[in-house]
Amino acid sequence: MARQHARTLWYDRPKYVFMEFCVEDSTDVHVLIEDHRIVFSCKNADGVELYNEIEFYAKVNSKDSQDKHSSRSITCFVRKWKEKVAWPRLTKEDIKPVWLSVDFDNWRDWEGDEEVELAHVEHYAELLKKVSTKRPPPAMDDLDDDSDSADATSFFARALPYSPAAMAFRCQRDSYAREFTTTVVSCHPAELQTEGSNGKKEVLSGFHVVLEDTLLFPEGGGQPDDRGTINDIPVLRVTRRGEQADHFTQTPLDPGSQVLVQVDWERRFDHMQQHSGQHLITAVADHLFKLKTTSWELGRFRSVIELDSPSVTAEQVAAIEQSVNEKIRDQLPVNVQELSLDDPEVEQVRGRGLPDDHAGPIRVVTIKGIDSNMCCGTHVSNLSDLQVIKMLGTEKGKKNKTNLIFLAGNRVLKWMGRSHGTEKALTALLKCGAEDHVEAVKKLQNSTKLLQKNNLSLLRDLAVHIAHSLRNSPDWGGVVVLHRKEGDSEFMNIIANEIGSEETLLFLTVGDEKGAGLFLLAGPPVAVETLGPRVAEVLEGKGAGKKGRFQGKATKMSRRPEAQALLQDYISTQSTKE
């Protein structure tokens, strides 16, 4: 059988070029990375031999390069010889073959000032015009003497078509669709790492299901993935892999079968509102105050836009809020269109870059008269569906940036409902109207601080009294134990200071008897140094020692009797030796 090329994706980064040979269930894998080329070969699940030999655009450090195998692909991490030098194309050829998916967006993840980044954008725009010409794939005569160039061309046309709509899933073509029927393409075993109810990471075993098309949006563009069902089987995660979407389920589905896909509409519409709201806020902030958006996050309870400014005033926030809500009331339409990479309109579209493994056309979301932006997410079709946008204020961001916090649509209603519930509860507790809540809480805080101060003073006096009582007790000697629920480290240290004995082991503890607390062991330096770590271990805590004292935190105060027995045994042993 003639050898064939493996489909290859590659991503350019400041230090590395990542090459992914997309071969599932590969065997006999051989990867040779040299300073100026890479040679790859393997067999796929059908026993077909795949072979790629690619000349690099620039020299690489082959000794500091490596490859990693998985059930779905072989990824090569190729270290650039010169860092932060962009590779506008994988090879030195003037064309990009149909069978090679290439990411031309290099600049957006790189450090640098705005002028440098903008220069990169213009540079790549020029490069796209030069390399976007599509020609037939190369003949494969050099791969196998029996191969025929026409057969090779037909293979690539059949197996790796250049599909302009490949990246537009049903959820992107119609964000309002709630269910549809499609076909299962493949189903492979997979694992999903999740966070359990106890906060610890858990690994779920299941399957990655690939559909002919999908109604469930895969994570990307700052937007989380959808949830939903396939034939009533819950989909726990959706991730994009090149031109496909992996649906993680815990039940397998038969390839070739027809299935009904349904989306969790409440989650989907919420994401549509937040994402379209972000586009609108970003455009208005830029128009009114030249505040550029550098990133954004669609969180579970609130959304955050990172603005490229060390500060944003309350007046600016109020002006942005007023303007975006005016545009919502104007019921401006939101349109989605697809442009080819070499379309002149692309250069006029706002955006921070394409995904690493982007293939096919560029998807552009336009708010009429306001903004046009490259985006893969799901959006409302009219700003009226946003209902309302509420700014919750700003926070200090990273690297002299400011985070603008907002809610859109139904989240505003839920926020108002929670706020009203809290207001009613406070009114009942504080016995005053909502307008007086803040003043009432301030008075309570002042009273609490005064009570705490008085309580602290009494606790210190009590510590001195307890120390004298212990010293004068007829049971003084050997091991002296004291536990008190109320107290702190200073309370224990005052007792130890007042007693000041180096002949008796003093074991003090404070805190909840069934929970966590603090402990202090004082007495003969040798005994304390020996017993301190052992006491901490019994109490399942940790501590440190210095000058005849060892103190720290304990997670299980209920084990104090065991610690006391340990001390008693030590004293008895020492007495026997004497």
Protein backbone atom coordinates (compact mmCIF):
# COMPACT_ATOMS: atom_id res chain seq x y z
CA MET A 1 0.00 0.00 0.00
CA ALA A 2 1.30 3.49 -0.86
CA ARG A 3 2.34 5.71 2.00
CA GLN A 4 0.24 8.77 2.78
CA HIS A 5 0.76 12.03 4.63
CA ALA A 6 -0.53 12.39 8.19
CA ARG A 7 -2.74 15.41 8.73
CA THR A 8 -0.71 18.03 10.58
CA LEU A 9 -1.67 21.00 12.73
CA TRP A 10 0.93 23.43 14.02
CA TYR A 11 0.98 26.38 16.38
CA ASP A 12 3.62 29.09 16.54
CA ARG A 13 4.69 30.38 19.97
CA PRO A 14 7.56 32.60 21.20
CA LYS A 15 9.83 29.71 22.23
CA TYR A 16 8.34 26.64 20.57
CA VAL A 17 6.56 25.42 17.46
CA PHE A 18 4.02 22.75 18.36
CA MET A 19 3.30 20.22 15.61
CA GLU A 20 0.42 17.77 16.03
CA PHE A 21 0.20 14.76 13.71
CA CYS A 22 -3.46 13.75 13.91
CA VAL A 23 -3.40 9.94 13.88
CA GLU A 24 -5.65 7.90 16.15
CA ASP A 25 -4.44 4.59 17.64
CA SER A 26 -1.05 4.91 15.98
CA THR A 27 1.62 2.17 16.00
CA ASP A 28 5.30 1.98 14.94
CA VAL A 29 5.71 5.69 15.58
CA HIS A 30 9.06 7.22 14.59
CA VAL A 31 9.87 10.91 15.03
CA LEU A 32 13.19 12.39 13.92
CA ILE A 33 13.70 16.08 14.73
CA GLU A 34 16.75 17.60 13.09
CA ASP A 35 17.97 21.20 13.06
CA HIS A 36 16.26 21.99 9.75
CA ARG A 37 13.57 19.35 9.27
CA ILE A 38 11.28 16.80 10.89
CA VAL A 39 10.61 13.27 9.65
CA PHE A 40 7.50 11.50 10.95
CA SER A 41 6.14 8.06 10.22
CA CYS A 42 3.66 5.62 11.76
CA LYS A 43 0.79 3.26 10.99
CA ASN A 44 -2.82 4.11 11.74
CA ALA A 45 -5.49 1.80 13.15
CA ASP A 46 -6.17 0.43 9.64
CA GLY A 47 -2.51 -0.43 9.11
CA VAL A 48 -1.97 2.38 6.58
CA GLU A 49 1.59 3.75 6.65
CA LEU A 50 1.75 7.52 7.14
CA TYR A 51 4.83 9.58 6.36
CA ASN A 52 5.70 13.29 6.57
CA GLU A 53 9.01 14.95 5.81
CA ILE A 54 8.88 18.72 6.40
CA GLU A 55 11.60 21.33 6.05
CA PHE A 56 11.45 23.94 8.83
CA TYR A 57 11.05 27.64 8.22
CA ALA A 58 14.10 28.34 10.42
CA LYS A 59 16.73 26.43 12.38
CA VAL A 60 15.61 24.71 15.59
CA ASN A 61 17.35 23.29 18.64
CA SER A 62 16.81 19.60 17.96
CA LYS A 63 18.45 18.53 21.22
CA ASP A 64 15.89 20.50 23.25
CA SER A 65 12.91 19.22 21.27
CA GLN A 66 10.69 16.28 22.14
CA ASP A 67 7.50 14.48 21.22
CA LYS A 68 4.54 13.09 23.18
CA HIS A 69 2.18 10.31 22.11
CA SER A 70 -1.54 9.96 22.93
CA SER A 71 -4.33 7.75 21.62
CA ARG A 72 -5.39 10.50 19.22
CA SER A 73 -2.24 12.23 18.04
CA ILE A 74 1.52 12.65 18.26
CA THR A 75 2.57 16.14 19.38
CA CYS A 76 6.09 17.45 18.77
CA PHE A 77 7.53 20.29 20.84
CA VAL A 78 10.13 21.91 18.60
CA ARG A 79 12.38 24.46 20.34
CA LYS A 80 13.18 27.54 18.23
CA TRP A 81 16.84 28.42 17.84
CA LYS A 82 15.93 32.11 18.08
CA GLU A 83 13.15 32.90 20.54
CA LYS A 84 10.40 35.44 19.84
CA VAL A 85 10.97 35.23 16.10
CA ALA A 86 7.68 34.59 14.34
CA TRP A 87 7.31 31.76 11.84
CA PRO A 88 4.77 33.06 9.31
CA ARG A 89 4.53 29.60 7.70
CA LEU A 90 5.73 26.13 8.48
CA THR A 91 7.95 25.72 5.43
CA LYS A 92 9.76 28.09 3.09
CA GLU A 93 7.31 27.35 0.28
CA ASP A 94 5.15 30.22 -1.00
CA ILE A 95 1.98 28.16 -0.78
CA LYS A 96 0.03 26.49 1.99
CA PRO A 97 -0.98 22.99 0.79
CA VAL A 98 -4.64 22.07 1.17
CA TRP A 99 -3.74 19.20 3.47
CA LEU A 100 -1.77 21.30 5.95
CA SER A 101 -3.73 23.28 8.58
CA VAL A 102 -1.72 26.30 9.67
CA ASP A 103 -2.25 28.95 12.35
CA PHE A 104 -0.97 32.34 11.21
CA ASP A 105 -1.93 34.14 14.42
CA ASN A 106 1.32 34.36 16.38
CA TRP A 107 1.42 37.73 18.06
CA ARG A 108 -1.46 37.69 20.52
CA ASP A 109 0.15 35.48 23.17
CA TRP A 110 3.47 37.30 23.08
CA GLU A 111 4.73 39.81 25.62
CA GLY A 112 5.38 43.27 24.28
CA ASP A 113 4.03 46.77 24.15
CA GLU A 114 1.03 47.71 22.09
CA GLU A 115 3.02 49.25 19.24
CA VAL A 116 5.02 46.07 18.73
CA GLU A 117 1.87 43.95 18.77
CA LEU A 118 0.13 46.19 16.25
CA ALA A 119 3.16 45.98 14.00
CA HIS A 120 2.88 42.19 14.12
CA VAL A 121 -0.80 42.40 13.15
CA GLU A 122 0.00 44.45 10.06
CA HIS A 123 2.86 42.13 9.19
CA TYR A 124 0.65 39.03 9.30
CA ALA A 125 -2.07 40.73 7.32
CA GLU A 126 0.44 41.19 4.50
CA LEU A 127 1.68 37.63 4.81
CA LEU A 128 -1.85 36.22 4.57
CA LYS A 129 -2.25 37.84 1.14
CA LYS A 130 0.91 36.11 -0.07
CA VAL A 131 0.37 32.60 1.27
CA SER A 132 -3.38 32.10 1.16
CA THR A 133 -3.35 30.80 -2.43
CA LYS A 134 -4.51 27.20 -2.50
CA ARG A 135 -2.96 24.72 -4.94
CA PRO A 136 -3.36 20.96 -5.32
CA PRO A 137 -1.42 18.88 -2.81
CA PRO A 138 2.03 17.68 -3.94
CA ALA A 139 2.41 14.38 -5.74
CA MET A 140 3.60 11.48 -3.62
CA ASP A 141 5.93 9.83 -6.12
CA ASP A 142 8.83 10.47 -3.78
CA LEU A 143 7.10 8.52 -1.02
CA ASP A 144 6.55 5.26 -2.84
CA ASP A 145 7.59 4.13 -6.30
CA ASP A 146 4.19 2.53 -6.87
CA SER A 147 2.19 5.60 -5.91
CA ASP A 148 0.45 7.68 -8.49
CA SER A 149 0.15 11.46 -8.16
CA ALA A 150 -3.44 11.45 -9.36
CA ASP A 151 -4.35 8.79 -6.81
CA ALA A 152 -2.59 10.79 -4.12
CA THR A 153 -4.50 13.91 -5.05
CA SER A 154 -7.81 12.07 -4.93
CA PHE A 155 -6.91 10.64 -1.51
CA PHE A 156 -6.44 14.07 -0.01
CA ALA A 157 -9.57 15.39 -1.66
CA ARG A 158 -11.43 12.48 -0.09
CA ALA A 159 -9.81 12.26 3.35
CA LEU A 160 -8.80 15.84 4.10
CA PRO A 161 -11.12 18.25 2.30
CA TYR A 162 -10.75 21.99 2.70
CA SER A 163 -14.19 22.81 4.03
CA PRO A 164 -14.96 26.55 4.44
CA ALA A 165 -17.76 25.75 6.88
CA ALA A 166 -15.81 23.14 8.84
CA MET A 167 -15.48 25.33 11.94
CA ALA A 168 -19.12 26.49 12.04
CA PHE A 169 -21.08 24.07 14.23
CA ARG A 170 -24.88 24.08 14.33
CA CYS A 171 -24.72 25.93 17.67
CA GLN A 172 -22.81 28.73 15.94
CA ARG A 173 -25.05 28.82 12.86
CA ASP A 174 -28.18 28.98 15.01
CA SER A 175 -27.56 29.87 18.65
CA TYR A 176 -31.31 29.73 19.40
CA ALA A 177 -31.74 26.08 18.34
CA ARG A 178 -32.52 23.86 21.34
CA GLU A 179 -32.46 20.37 19.79
CA PHE A 180 -31.64 18.61 16.52
CA THR A 181 -30.77 15.19 15.10
CA THR A 182 -27.33 14.23 13.85
CA THR A 183 -25.05 11.19 13.37
CA VAL A 184 -22.36 9.72 15.65
CA VAL A 185 -18.99 9.72 13.87
CA SER A 186 -16.81 8.04 16.50
CA CYS A 187 -16.70 7.04 20.17
CA HIS A 188 -13.46 6.38 22.07
CA PRO A 189 -12.63 5.74 25.74
CA ALA A 190 -11.55 8.89 27.59
CA GLU A 191 -11.10 10.39 31.03
CA LEU A 192 -12.33 13.67 32.50
CA GLN A 193 -10.79 15.45 35.46
CA THR A 194 -13.40 17.18 37.59
CA GLU A 195 -13.65 18.80 41.00
CA GLY A 196 -15.66 16.75 43.48
CA SER A 197 -18.03 18.01 46.17
CA ASN A 198 -15.18 17.95 48.69
CA GLY A 199 -13.06 20.21 46.49
CA LYS A 200 -10.63 17.44 45.53
CA LYS A 201 -9.86 16.48 41.94
CA GLU A 202 -11.65 13.42 40.64
CA VAL A 203 -11.08 11.50 37.41
CA LEU A 204 -14.16 10.16 35.62
CA SER A 205 -13.94 7.36 33.08
CA GLY A 206 -16.08 7.71 29.99
CA PHE A 207 -16.01 8.35 26.27
CA HIS A 208 -15.26 11.09 23.77
CA VAL A 209 -18.12 11.15 21.29
CA VAL A 210 -17.67 12.97 17.98
CA LEU A 211 -20.82 13.95 16.07
CA GLU A 212 -21.27 14.89 12.43
CA ASP A 213 -22.41 18.28 13.73
CA THR A 214 -23.20 19.56 17.19
CA LEU A 215 -25.65 21.78 18.97
CA LEU A 216 -23.40 21.96 22.04
CA PHE A 217 -20.83 24.75 22.00
CA PRO A 218 -17.25 23.65 22.82
CA GLU A 219 -15.26 25.85 25.16
CA GLY A 220 -13.50 28.75 23.43
CA GLY A 221 -13.24 32.51 22.97
CA GLY A 222 -13.61 33.14 26.69
CA GLN A 223 -16.95 31.32 26.74
CA PRO A 224 -17.47 28.08 28.74
CA ASP A 225 -18.84 24.99 27.02
CA ASP A 226 -22.51 24.02 26.87
CA ARG A 227 -24.23 21.25 28.78
CA GLY A 228 -26.93 19.04 27.37
CA THR A 229 -27.78 15.49 26.37
CA ILE A 230 -27.27 13.06 23.50
CA ASN A 231 -30.23 10.64 23.43
CA ASP A 232 -30.89 11.70 27.05
CA ILE A 233 -27.29 10.79 28.02
CA PRO A 234 -25.75 13.73 29.94
CA VAL A 235 -22.80 15.49 28.27
CA LEU A 236 -20.39 16.54 31.02
CA ARG A 237 -17.86 18.47 28.91
CA VAL A 238 -17.50 19.68 25.31
CA THR A 239 -14.06 20.56 23.94
CA ARG A 240 -12.94 21.54 20.46
CA ARG A 241 -10.26 19.50 18.69
CA GLY A 242 -9.43 21.04 15.35
CA GLU A 243 -12.57 20.90 13.25
CA GLN A 244 -14.35 18.52 15.61
CA ALA A 245 -15.97 18.68 19.03
CA ASP A 246 -15.39 16.01 21.68
CA HIS A 247 -18.46 15.31 23.84
CA PHE A 248 -17.58 13.57 27.11
CA THR A 249 -20.22 11.09 28.23
CA GLN A 250 -20.14 8.15 30.63
CA THR A 251 -22.17 5.97 28.26
CA PRO A 252 -20.88 4.88 24.83
CA LEU A 253 -22.74 5.65 21.62
CA ASP A 254 -22.60 3.56 18.43
CA PRO A 255 -20.83 5.21 15.45
CA GLY A 256 -23.24 5.66 12.56
CA SER A 257 -26.32 5.87 14.77
CA GLN A 258 -28.78 8.75 14.62
CA VAL A 259 -29.02 10.71 17.88
CA LEU A 260 -31.06 13.58 19.32
CA VAL A 261 -28.94 16.37 20.78
CA GLN A 262 -30.57 18.75 23.29
CA VAL A 263 -28.95 21.78 24.90
CA ASP A 264 -29.34 23.07 28.46
CA TRP A 265 -31.12 26.20 27.29
CA GLU A 266 -30.90 28.17 30.54
CA ARG A 267 -27.09 27.83 30.57
CA ARG A 268 -26.82 28.49 26.80
CA PHE A 269 -28.97 31.66 26.86
CA ASP A 270 -27.08 32.94 29.91
CA HIS A 271 -23.79 32.54 28.03
CA MET A 272 -25.27 34.27 24.97
CA GLN A 273 -26.32 37.24 27.10
CA GLN A 274 -22.97 37.56 28.87
CA HIS A 275 -20.91 37.15 25.69
CA SER A 276 -22.92 39.62 23.60
CA GLY A 277 -22.91 41.96 26.60
CA GLN A 278 -19.12 41.78 26.69
CA HIS A 279 -18.89 42.70 22.99
CA LEU A 280 -21.15 45.69 23.57
CA ILE A 281 -19.31 46.91 26.70
CA THR A 282 -15.91 46.47 25.02
CA ALA A 283 -16.99 48.53 22.00
CA VAL A 284 -18.55 51.31 24.10
CA ALA A 285 -15.59 51.53 26.50
CA ASP A 286 -13.24 51.86 23.54
CA HIS A 287 -15.44 54.44 21.79
CA LEU A 288 -16.07 56.63 24.85
CA PHE A 289 -12.73 56.49 26.66
CA LYS A 290 -10.26 54.57 24.42
CA LEU A 291 -10.25 51.79 27.02
CA LYS A 292 -9.01 48.67 25.22
CA THR A 293 -10.12 45.20 26.26
CA THR A 294 -7.20 42.78 26.72
CA SER A 295 -9.16 39.73 27.94
CA TRP A 296 -12.42 38.70 29.55
CA GLU A 297 -13.85 35.90 31.69
CA LEU A 298 -17.38 34.55 31.77
CA GLY A 299 -17.66 33.34 35.36
CA ARG A 300 -20.39 31.32 37.06
CA PHE A 301 -21.86 34.32 38.90
CA ARG A 302 -20.28 37.39 37.31
CA SER A 303 -18.30 38.35 34.21
CA VAL A 304 -15.07 40.33 34.12
CA ILE A 305 -13.56 42.45 31.33
CA GLU A 306 -9.87 43.29 31.68
CA LEU A 307 -9.22 46.85 30.48
CA ASP A 308 -5.79 48.10 29.45
CA SER A 309 -5.67 50.92 31.99
CA PRO A 310 -4.29 51.17 35.55
CA SER A 311 -7.53 52.82 36.70
CA VAL A 312 -11.10 53.46 35.60
CA THR A 313 -13.15 56.11 37.41
CA ALA A 314 -16.62 55.63 38.83
CA GLU A 315 -17.85 58.31 36.41
CA GLN A 316 -16.48 56.34 33.44
CA VAL A 317 -18.16 53.16 34.66
CA ALA A 318 -21.48 55.00 35.04
CA ALA A 319 -21.17 56.48 31.53
CA ILE A 320 -20.44 53.07 30.01
CA GLU A 321 -23.43 51.55 31.82
CA GLN A 322 -25.75 54.29 30.62
CA SER A 323 -24.56 54.02 27.02
CA VAL A 324 -24.84 50.21 26.73
CA ASN A 325 -28.36 50.22 28.16
CA GLU A 326 -29.40 52.94 25.70
CA LYS A 327 -28.22 50.72 22.86
CA ILE A 328 -30.15 47.76 24.30
CA ARG A 329 -33.29 49.90 24.27
CA ASP A 330 -32.51 50.81 20.63
CA GLN A 331 -32.95 47.09 19.80
CA LEU A 332 -29.89 46.98 17.54
CA PRO A 333 -29.53 43.75 15.52
CA VAL A 334 -26.56 41.40 15.98
CA ASN A 335 -25.43 39.60 12.82
CA VAL A 336 -22.96 36.76 12.22
CA GLN A 337 -21.08 36.29 8.94
CA GLU A 338 -18.15 34.24 7.72
CA LEU A 339 -15.21 35.73 5.85
CA SER A 340 -12.33 33.95 4.13
CA LEU A 341 -8.83 34.59 5.46
CA ASP A 342 -7.90 36.70 2.42
CA ASP A 343 -11.07 38.84 2.48
CA PRO A 344 -10.08 42.57 2.69
CA GLU A 345 -12.78 43.09 5.33
CA VAL A 346 -10.82 40.94 7.77
CA GLU A 347 -8.34 43.74 8.37
CA GLN A 348 -11.20 46.03 9.44
CA VAL A 349 -12.51 43.60 12.05
CA ARG A 350 -11.58 43.98 15.71
CA GLY A 351 -10.09 40.95 17.39
CA ARG A 352 -7.21 39.63 19.47
CA GLY A 353 -6.53 36.64 17.22
CA LEU A 354 -7.75 33.27 16.05
CA PRO A 355 -7.64 29.98 17.98
CA ASP A 356 -4.42 27.99 17.76
CA ASP A 357 -5.93 25.31 15.53
CA HIS A 358 -8.30 27.51 13.52
CA ALA A 359 -9.28 26.16 10.14
CA GLY A 360 -11.69 27.48 7.56
CA PRO A 361 -13.28 30.94 7.44
CA ILE A 362 -13.23 33.69 10.03
CA ARG A 363 -16.49 34.16 11.92
CA VAL A 364 -17.41 37.81 12.50
CA VAL A 365 -20.05 39.05 14.96
CA THR A 366 -21.41 42.53 14.17
CA ILE A 367 -23.55 44.79 16.34
CA LYS A 368 -25.10 47.15 13.81
CA GLY A 369 -23.32 50.50 13.80
CA ILE A 370 -21.37 49.65 16.95
CA ASP A 371 -18.84 46.87 16.54
CA SER A 372 -17.49 44.05 14.34
CA ASN A 373 -15.42 41.42 16.07
CA MET A 374 -13.92 38.01 15.27
CA CYS A 375 -15.59 35.51 17.59
CA CYS A 376 -16.49 31.81 17.74
CA GLY A 377 -19.07 32.10 20.54
CA THR A 378 -22.86 32.01 20.67
CA HIS A 379 -24.68 35.37 20.65
CA VAL A 380 -28.13 36.93 20.78
CA SER A 381 -29.61 38.12 17.49
CA ASN A 382 -30.75 41.46 18.87
CA LEU A 383 -29.48 43.58 21.77
CA SER A 384 -33.02 43.64 23.18
CA ASP A 385 -32.43 40.03 24.29
CA LEU A 386 -29.79 41.32 26.69
CA GLN A 387 -32.62 42.97 28.68
CA VAL A 388 -30.26 45.07 30.85
CA ILE A 389 -26.58 45.35 31.84
CA LYS A 390 -25.45 46.24 35.35
CA MET A 391 -21.89 47.28 36.21
CA LEU A 392 -20.81 46.06 39.64
CA GLY A 393 -17.68 48.21 39.75
CA THR A 394 -13.96 47.66 39.17
CA GLU A 395 -11.06 45.77 40.73
CA LYS A 396 -7.32 46.11 40.36
CA GLY A 397 -6.10 43.70 37.67
CA LYS A 398 -2.72 42.31 36.66
CA LYS A 399 0.12 44.32 35.12
CA ASN A 400 -1.49 47.76 35.49
CA LYS A 401 -4.83 46.55 34.17
CA THR A 402 -8.32 47.17 35.60
CA ASN A 403 -11.07 44.55 35.84
CA LEU A 404 -14.57 45.78 35.01
CA ILE A 405 -17.23 43.54 36.58
CA PHE A 406 -20.68 43.26 35.02
CA LEU A 407 -23.89 41.24 34.83
CA ALA A 408 -26.19 40.94 31.83
CA GLY A 409 -29.78 39.80 31.32
CA ASN A 410 -31.22 37.21 33.68
CA ARG A 411 -28.18 37.47 35.95
CA VAL A 412 -29.26 41.01 36.82
CA LEU A 413 -32.71 39.76 37.85
CA LYS A 414 -31.21 36.97 39.97
CA TRP A 415 -28.76 39.41 41.57
CA MET A 416 -31.63 41.78 42.43
CA GLY A 417 -33.61 38.90 43.90
CA ARG A 418 -30.70 37.85 46.13
CA SER A 419 -30.02 41.45 47.14
CA HIS A 420 -33.67 42.04 48.03
CA GLY A 421 -33.74 38.84 50.10
CA THR A 422 -30.64 39.94 51.98
CA GLU A 423 -32.13 43.39 52.53
CA LYS A 424 -35.31 41.92 54.03
CA ALA A 425 -33.31 39.65 56.35
CA LEU A 426 -31.15 42.56 57.55
CA THR A 427 -34.23 44.72 58.12
CA ALA A 428 -35.65 42.04 60.41
CA LEU A 429 -32.37 41.53 62.29
CA LEU A 430 -31.35 45.17 62.65
CA LYS A 431 -34.87 46.46 63.34
CA CYS A 432 -34.49 49.38 60.94
CA GLY A 433 -35.15 50.33 57.32
CA ALA A 434 -32.78 49.49 54.46
CA GLU A 435 -31.49 53.06 54.32
CA ASP A 436 -30.18 52.71 57.89
CA HIS A 437 -28.54 49.29 57.52
CA VAL A 438 -24.98 50.56 57.05
CA GLU A 439 -25.11 52.86 60.07
CA ALA A 440 -26.62 50.11 62.23
CA VAL A 441 -23.87 47.66 61.26
CA LYS A 442 -21.18 50.26 62.04
CA LYS A 443 -22.60 50.68 65.54
CA LEU A 444 -22.62 46.92 66.06
CA GLN A 445 -19.02 46.68 64.88
CA ASN A 446 -17.92 49.38 67.32
CA SER A 447 -19.72 47.63 70.17
CA THR A 448 -18.16 44.30 69.22
CA LYS A 449 -14.65 45.78 69.13
CA LEU A 450 -15.15 47.27 72.61
CA LEU A 451 -16.44 43.96 73.96
CA GLN A 452 -13.52 42.09 72.39
CA LYS A 453 -11.05 44.53 73.94
CA ASN A 454 -12.62 44.12 77.40
CA ASN A 455 -12.79 40.36 76.97
CA LEU A 456 -9.13 40.25 75.99
CA SER A 457 -8.14 42.23 79.07
CA LEU A 458 -10.15 39.90 81.33
CA LEU A 459 -8.64 36.88 79.61
CA ARG A 460 -5.12 38.17 80.32
CA ASP A 461 -5.99 38.71 84.01
CA LEU A 462 -7.48 35.22 84.11
CA ALA A 463 -4.25 33.76 82.67
CA VAL A 464 -2.21 35.30 85.51
CA HIS A 465 -4.69 33.99 88.09
CA ILE A 466 -4.64 30.48 86.58
CA ALA A 467 -0.83 30.45 86.57
CA HIS A 468 -0.65 31.26 90.28
CA SER A 469 -3.35 28.67 91.06
CA LEU A 470 -1.46 25.97 89.19
CA ARG A 471 1.81 26.85 90.88
CA ASN A 472 0.27 26.67 94.32
CA SER A 473 -1.75 23.51 93.63
CA PRO A 474 -0.91 20.41 95.72
CA ASP A 475 -0.80 18.45 92.42
CA TRP A 476 2.07 20.58 91.15
CA GLY A 477 4.91 18.57 89.61
CA GLY A 478 5.38 15.97 86.91
CA VAL A 479 2.94 16.94 84.15
CA VAL A 480 0.48 19.82 84.60
CA VAL A 481 -2.35 19.90 82.05
CA LEU A 482 -4.86 22.68 81.31
CA HIS A 483 -7.42 23.05 78.52
CA ARG A 484 -9.68 26.05 77.96
CA LYS A 485 -12.06 26.52 75.03
CA GLU A 486 -11.62 30.30 75.00
CA GLY A 487 -8.08 31.58 74.63
CA ASP A 488 -5.23 32.14 72.22
CA SER A 489 -1.46 31.69 72.01
CA GLU A 490 -0.86 34.80 74.12
CA PHE A 491 -3.14 33.40 76.84
CA MET A 492 -1.03 30.24 77.02
CA ASN A 493 2.26 32.14 76.95
CA ILE A 494 1.19 34.38 79.83
CA ILE A 495 0.51 31.28 81.95
CA ALA A 496 3.87 29.77 81.01
CA ASN A 497 5.69 33.04 81.76
CA GLU A 498 4.02 33.46 85.13
CA ILE A 499 4.85 29.89 86.18
CA GLY A 500 8.42 30.08 84.83
CA SER A 501 9.36 26.56 85.94
CA GLU A 502 11.85 24.37 84.12
CA GLU A 503 11.23 21.33 86.32
CA THR A 504 7.60 20.62 85.41
CA LEU A 505 6.11 19.82 82.00
CA LEU A 506 3.27 22.26 81.33
CA PHE A 507 0.83 21.12 78.62
CA LEU A 508 -1.66 23.86 77.66
CA THR A 509 -4.35 23.73 74.96
CA VAL A 510 -7.11 26.08 73.76
CA GLY A 511 -9.93 25.61 71.25
CA ASP A 512 -12.91 23.39 70.54
CA GLU A 513 -12.46 19.99 72.19
CA LYS A 514 -13.93 18.23 69.13
CA GLY A 515 -12.16 20.34 66.53
CA ALA A 516 -8.97 22.27 65.96
CA GLY A 517 -7.03 24.45 68.36
CA LEU A 518 -3.62 25.54 69.69
CA PHE A 519 -1.18 23.83 72.03
CA LEU A 520 1.90 24.77 74.06
CA LEU A 521 4.42 22.50 75.78
CA ALA A 522 6.81 24.17 78.25
CA GLY A 523 9.34 22.84 80.75
CA PRO A 524 12.80 21.22 80.77
CA PRO A 525 14.45 22.07 77.38
CA VAL A 526 15.59 18.49 76.68
CA ALA A 527 12.13 17.07 77.40
CA VAL A 528 10.37 19.75 75.34
CA GLU A 529 12.72 19.25 72.41
CA THR A 530 12.10 15.49 72.52
CA LEU A 531 8.37 15.49 73.14
CA GLY A 532 7.21 18.58 71.19
CA PRO A 533 7.21 17.02 67.70
CA ARG A 534 5.67 13.80 69.06
CA VAL A 535 2.83 15.73 70.72
CA ALA A 536 2.20 17.60 67.46
CA GLU A 537 2.04 14.29 65.62
CA VAL A 538 -0.48 12.86 68.09
CA LEU A 539 -2.68 15.96 67.73
CA GLU A 540 -2.25 15.82 63.94
CA GLY A 541 -0.78 19.29 63.88
CA LYS A 542 2.52 21.08 63.51
CA GLY A 543 4.61 23.45 65.58
CA ALA A 544 8.06 24.82 66.39
CA GLY A 545 10.23 24.95 69.48
CA LYS A 546 12.45 27.56 71.11
CA LYS A 547 14.07 27.87 74.58
CA GLY A 548 12.12 25.20 76.43
CA ARG A 549 8.83 25.76 74.62
CA PHE A 550 7.14 24.03 71.71
CA GLN A 551 3.86 25.40 70.40
CA GLY A 552 1.71 25.17 67.31
CA LYS A 553 -1.63 24.25 65.78
CA ALA A 554 -3.57 21.00 66.20
CA THR A 555 -6.35 19.64 63.98
CA LYS A 556 -7.65 17.02 66.44
CA MET A 557 -7.92 18.46 69.95
CA SER A 558 -9.92 15.37 70.96
CA ARG A 559 -6.64 13.43 71.12
CA ARG A 560 -5.35 15.46 74.09
CA PRO A 561 -5.60 12.45 76.46
CA GLU A 562 -3.24 10.50 74.19
CA ALA A 563 -0.76 13.38 74.21
CA GLN A 564 -1.00 13.63 78.01
CA ALA A 565 -0.34 9.87 78.35
CA LEU A 566 2.74 10.30 76.15
CA LEU A 567 4.05 12.98 78.52
CA GLN A 568 3.28 10.92 81.63
CA ASP A 569 5.14 7.91 80.19
CA TYR A 570 8.16 10.07 79.50
CA ILE A 571 8.22 11.46 83.06
CA SER A 572 7.82 7.96 84.52
CA THR A 573 10.69 6.66 82.39
CA GLN A 574 12.95 9.51 83.46
CA SER A 575 12.08 8.93 87.14
CA THR A 576 12.92 5.23 86.83
CA LYS A 577 16.30 6.04 85.28
CA GLU A 578 17.12 8.38 88.16
